[in-house]
Amino acid sequence: MIERRMYERTSTSFRVEMSHPSFGTIVGFAKDISDGGAQV
């Protein structure tokens, strides 16, 4: 498989909270992060 990511990902684990008026607050963990975003 050809790697097409623009930014190198770094493995990590830290707590993340996401809030929205419709569904409240969701707590999760970031799995990896890069300059282009994070996987939660």
PDB file of N, CA and C in Angstrom:
ATOM      1  N   MET A   1       0.838  -1.177   0.000  1.00  0.00           N
ATOM      2  CA  MET A   1       0.000   0.000   0.000  1.00  0.00           C
ATOM      3  C   MET A   1       0.891   1.250   0.000  1.00  0.00           C
ATOM      4  N   ILE A   2       0.538   2.224  -0.791  1.00  0.00           N
ATOM      5  CA  ILE A   2       1.306   3.459  -0.901  1.00  0.00           C
ATOM      6  C   ILE A   2       0.893   4.420   0.217  1.00  0.00           C
ATOM      7  N   GLU A   3       1.871   4.924   0.951  1.00  0.00           N
ATOM      8  CA  GLU A   3       1.610   5.902   2.009  1.00  0.00           C
ATOM      9  C   GLU A   3       1.357   7.273   1.384  1.00  0.00           C
ATOM     10  N   ARG A   4       0.171   7.854   1.639  1.00  0.00           N
ATOM     11  CA  ARG A   4      -0.196   9.132   1.018  1.00  0.00           C
ATOM     12  C   ARG A   4      -0.359  10.262   2.026  1.00  0.00           C
ATOM     13  N   ARG A   5      -0.004  10.037   3.262  1.00  0.00           N
ATOM     14  CA  ARG A   5      -0.151  11.094   4.264  1.00  0.00           C
ATOM     15  C   ARG A   5       0.841  12.218   4.008  1.00  0.00           C
ATOM     16  N   MET A   6       0.382  13.444   4.223  1.00  0.00           N
ATOM     17  CA  MET A   6       1.252  14.604   4.029  1.00  0.00           C
ATOM     18  C   MET A   6       2.155  14.834   5.235  1.00  0.00           C
ATOM     19  N   TYR A   7       1.674  14.461   6.432  1.00  0.00           N
ATOM     20  CA  TYR A   7       2.401  14.738   7.667  1.00  0.00           C
ATOM     21  C   TYR A   7       2.687  13.439   8.414  1.00  0.00           C
ATOM     22  N   GLU A   8       3.852  13.349   9.008  1.00  0.00           N
ATOM     23  CA  GLU A   8       4.224  12.178   9.797  1.00  0.00           C
ATOM     24  C   GLU A   8       3.419  12.168  11.093  1.00  0.00           C
ATOM     25  N   ARG A   9       2.905  11.001  11.451  1.00  0.00           N
ATOM     26  CA  ARG A   9       2.129  10.861  12.683  1.00  0.00           C
ATOM     27  C   ARG A   9       3.024  10.416  13.830  1.00  0.00           C
ATOM     28  N   THR A  10       2.678  10.887  15.030  1.00  0.00           N
ATOM     29  CA  THR A  10       3.405  10.532  16.238  1.00  0.00           C
ATOM     30  C   THR A  10       2.438   9.841  17.185  1.00  0.00           C
ATOM     31  N   SER A  11       2.791   8.639  17.645  1.00  0.00           N
ATOM     32  CA  SER A  11       1.943   7.914  18.596  1.00  0.00           C
ATOM     33  C   SER A  11       1.917   8.659  19.922  1.00  0.00           C
ATOM     34  N   THR A  12       0.725   8.698  20.532  1.00  0.00           N
ATOM     35  CA  THR A  12       0.558   9.393  21.801  1.00  0.00           C
ATOM     36  C   THR A  12      -0.674   8.845  22.503  1.00  0.00           C
ATOM     37  N   SER A  13      -0.930   9.298  23.674  1.00  0.00           N
ATOM     38  CA  SER A  13      -2.157   8.960  24.379  1.00  0.00           C
ATOM     39  C   SER A  13      -2.433  10.060  25.394  1.00  0.00           C
ATOM     40  N   PHE A  14      -3.456  10.863  25.117  1.00  0.00           N
ATOM     41  CA  PHE A  14      -3.855  11.870  26.086  1.00  0.00           C
ATOM     42  C   PHE A  14      -5.362  12.065  26.026  1.00  0.00           C
ATOM     43  N   ARG A  15      -5.923  12.504  27.139  1.00  0.00           N
ATOM     44  CA  ARG A  15      -7.366  12.663  27.296  1.00  0.00           C
ATOM     45  C   ARG A  15      -7.856  13.846  26.465  1.00  0.00           C
ATOM     46  N   VAL A  16      -9.013  13.653  25.814  1.00  0.00           N
ATOM     47  CA  VAL A  16      -9.619  14.683  24.976  1.00  0.00           C
ATOM     48  C   VAL A  16     -11.092  14.808  25.348  1.00  0.00           C
ATOM     49  N   GLU A  17     -11.598  16.033  25.420  1.00  0.00           N
ATOM     50  CA  GLU A  17     -13.024  16.274  25.630  1.00  0.00           C
ATOM     51  C   GLU A  17     -13.572  17.034  24.434  1.00  0.00           C
ATOM     52  N   MET A  18     -14.697  16.555  23.902  1.00  0.00           N
ATOM     53  CA  MET A  18     -15.377  17.237  22.799  1.00  0.00           C
ATOM     54  C   MET A  18     -16.786  17.588  23.262  1.00  0.00           C
ATOM     55  N   SER A  19     -17.192  18.826  23.027  1.00  0.00           N
ATOM     56  CA  SER A  19     -18.519  19.282  23.466  1.00  0.00           C
ATOM     57  C   SER A  19     -19.327  19.790  22.284  1.00  0.00           C
ATOM     58  N   HIS A  20     -20.646  19.512  22.344  1.00  0.00           N
ATOM     59  CA  HIS A  20     -21.570  19.988  21.315  1.00  0.00           C
ATOM     60  C   HIS A  20     -22.928  20.186  21.981  1.00  0.00           C
ATOM     61  N   PRO A  21     -23.647  21.239  21.626  1.00  0.00           N
ATOM     62  CA  PRO A  21     -24.950  21.491  22.256  1.00  0.00           C
ATOM     63  C   PRO A  21     -25.947  20.340  22.101  1.00  0.00           C
ATOM     64  N   SER A  22     -25.887  19.592  21.013  1.00  0.00           N
ATOM     65  CA  SER A  22     -26.852  18.517  20.763  1.00  0.00           C
ATOM     66  C   SER A  22     -26.595  17.254  21.568  1.00  0.00           C
ATOM     67  N   PHE A  23     -25.319  16.906  21.802  1.00  0.00           N
ATOM     68  CA  PHE A  23     -25.041  15.631  22.473  1.00  0.00           C
ATOM     69  C   PHE A  23     -24.184  15.755  23.719  1.00  0.00           C
ATOM     70  N   GLY A  24     -23.902  16.949  24.170  1.00  0.00           N
ATOM     71  CA  GLY A  24     -23.156  17.132  25.409  1.00  0.00           C
ATOM     72  C   GLY A  24     -21.660  16.941  25.221  1.00  0.00           C
ATOM     73  N   THR A  25     -21.020  16.436  26.269  1.00  0.00           N
ATOM     74  CA  THR A  25     -19.568  16.258  26.260  1.00  0.00           C
ATOM     75  C   THR A  25     -19.214  14.786  26.131  1.00  0.00           C
ATOM     76  N   ILE A  26     -18.282  14.491  25.253  1.00  0.00           N
ATOM     77  CA  ILE A  26     -17.756  13.138  25.067  1.00  0.00           C
ATOM     78  C   ILE A  26     -16.285  13.162  25.460  1.00  0.00           C
ATOM     79  N   VAL A  27     -15.871  12.189  26.252  1.00  0.00           N
ATOM     80  CA  VAL A  27     -14.477  12.078  26.673  1.00  0.00           C
ATOM     81  C   VAL A  27     -13.847  10.901  25.948  1.00  0.00           C
ATOM     82  N   GLY A  28     -12.653  11.105  25.418  1.00  0.00           N
ATOM     83  CA  GLY A  28     -11.936  10.039  24.724  1.00  0.00           C
ATOM     84  C   GLY A  28     -10.445  10.234  24.869  1.00  0.00           C
ATOM     85  N   PHE A  29      -9.679   9.518  24.058  1.00  0.00           N
ATOM     86  CA  PHE A  29      -8.225   9.626  24.073  1.00  0.00           C
ATOM     87  C   PHE A  29      -7.716   9.810  22.657  1.00  0.00           C
ATOM     88  N   ALA A  30      -6.735  10.680  22.491  1.00  0.00           N
ATOM     89  CA  ALA A  30      -6.073  10.844  21.202  1.00  0.00           C
ATOM     90  C   ALA A  30      -5.101   9.685  21.038  1.00  0.00           C
ATOM     91  N   LYS A  31      -5.151   9.032  19.883  1.00  0.00           N
ATOM     92  CA  LYS A  31      -4.292   7.877  19.619  1.00  0.00           C
ATOM     93  C   LYS A  31      -2.991   8.288  18.946  1.00  0.00           C
ATOM     94  N   ASP A  32      -3.085   9.187  17.993  1.00  0.00           N
ATOM     95  CA  ASP A  32      -1.886   9.742  17.367  1.00  0.00           C
ATOM     96  C   ASP A  32      -2.180  11.151  16.894  1.00  0.00           C
ATOM     97  N   ILE A  33      -1.128  11.893  16.601  1.00  0.00           N
ATOM     98  CA  ILE A  33      -1.276  13.301  16.259  1.00  0.00           C
ATOM     99  C   ILE A  33      -0.249  13.682  15.205  1.00  0.00           C
ATOM    100  N   SER A  34      -0.601  14.659  14.371  1.00  0.00           N
ATOM    101  CA  SER A  34       0.321  15.179  13.360  1.00  0.00           C
ATOM    102  C   SER A  34      -0.006  16.650  13.133  1.00  0.00           C
ATOM    103  N   ASP A  35       0.735  17.309  12.267  1.00  0.00           N
ATOM    104  CA  ASP A  35       0.440  18.701  11.928  1.00  0.00           C
ATOM    105  C   ASP A  35      -0.903  18.819  11.217  1.00  0.00           C
ATOM    106  N   GLY A  36      -1.413  17.730  10.657  1.00  0.00           N
ATOM    107  CA  GLY A  36      -2.674  17.746   9.926  1.00  0.00           C
ATOM    108  C   GLY A  36      -3.887  17.374  10.750  1.00  0.00           C
ATOM    109  N   GLY A  37      -3.707  16.917  11.990  1.00  0.00           N
ATOM    110  CA  GLY A  37      -4.846  16.542  12.811  1.00  0.00           C
ATOM    111  C   GLY A  37      -4.504  15.475  13.827  1.00  0.00           C
ATOM    112  N   ALA A  38      -5.552  14.901  14.423  1.00  0.00           N
ATOM    113  CA  ALA A  38      -5.377  13.875  15.449  1.00  0.00           C
ATOM    114  C   ALA A  38      -6.443  12.808  15.285  1.00  0.00           C
ATOM    115  N   GLN A  39      -6.103  11.577  15.642  1.00  0.00           N
ATOM    116  CA  GLN A  39      -7.085  10.492  15.671  1.00  0.00           C
ATOM    117  C   GLN A  39      -7.557  10.357  17.104  1.00  0.00           C
ATOM    118  N   VAL A  40      -8.868  10.502  17.312  1.00  0.00           N
ATOM    119  CA  VAL A  40      -9.445  10.433  18.657  1.00  0.00           C
ATOM    120  C   VAL A  40     -10.277   9.176  18.771  1.00  0.00           C
TER     121      VAL A  40
END
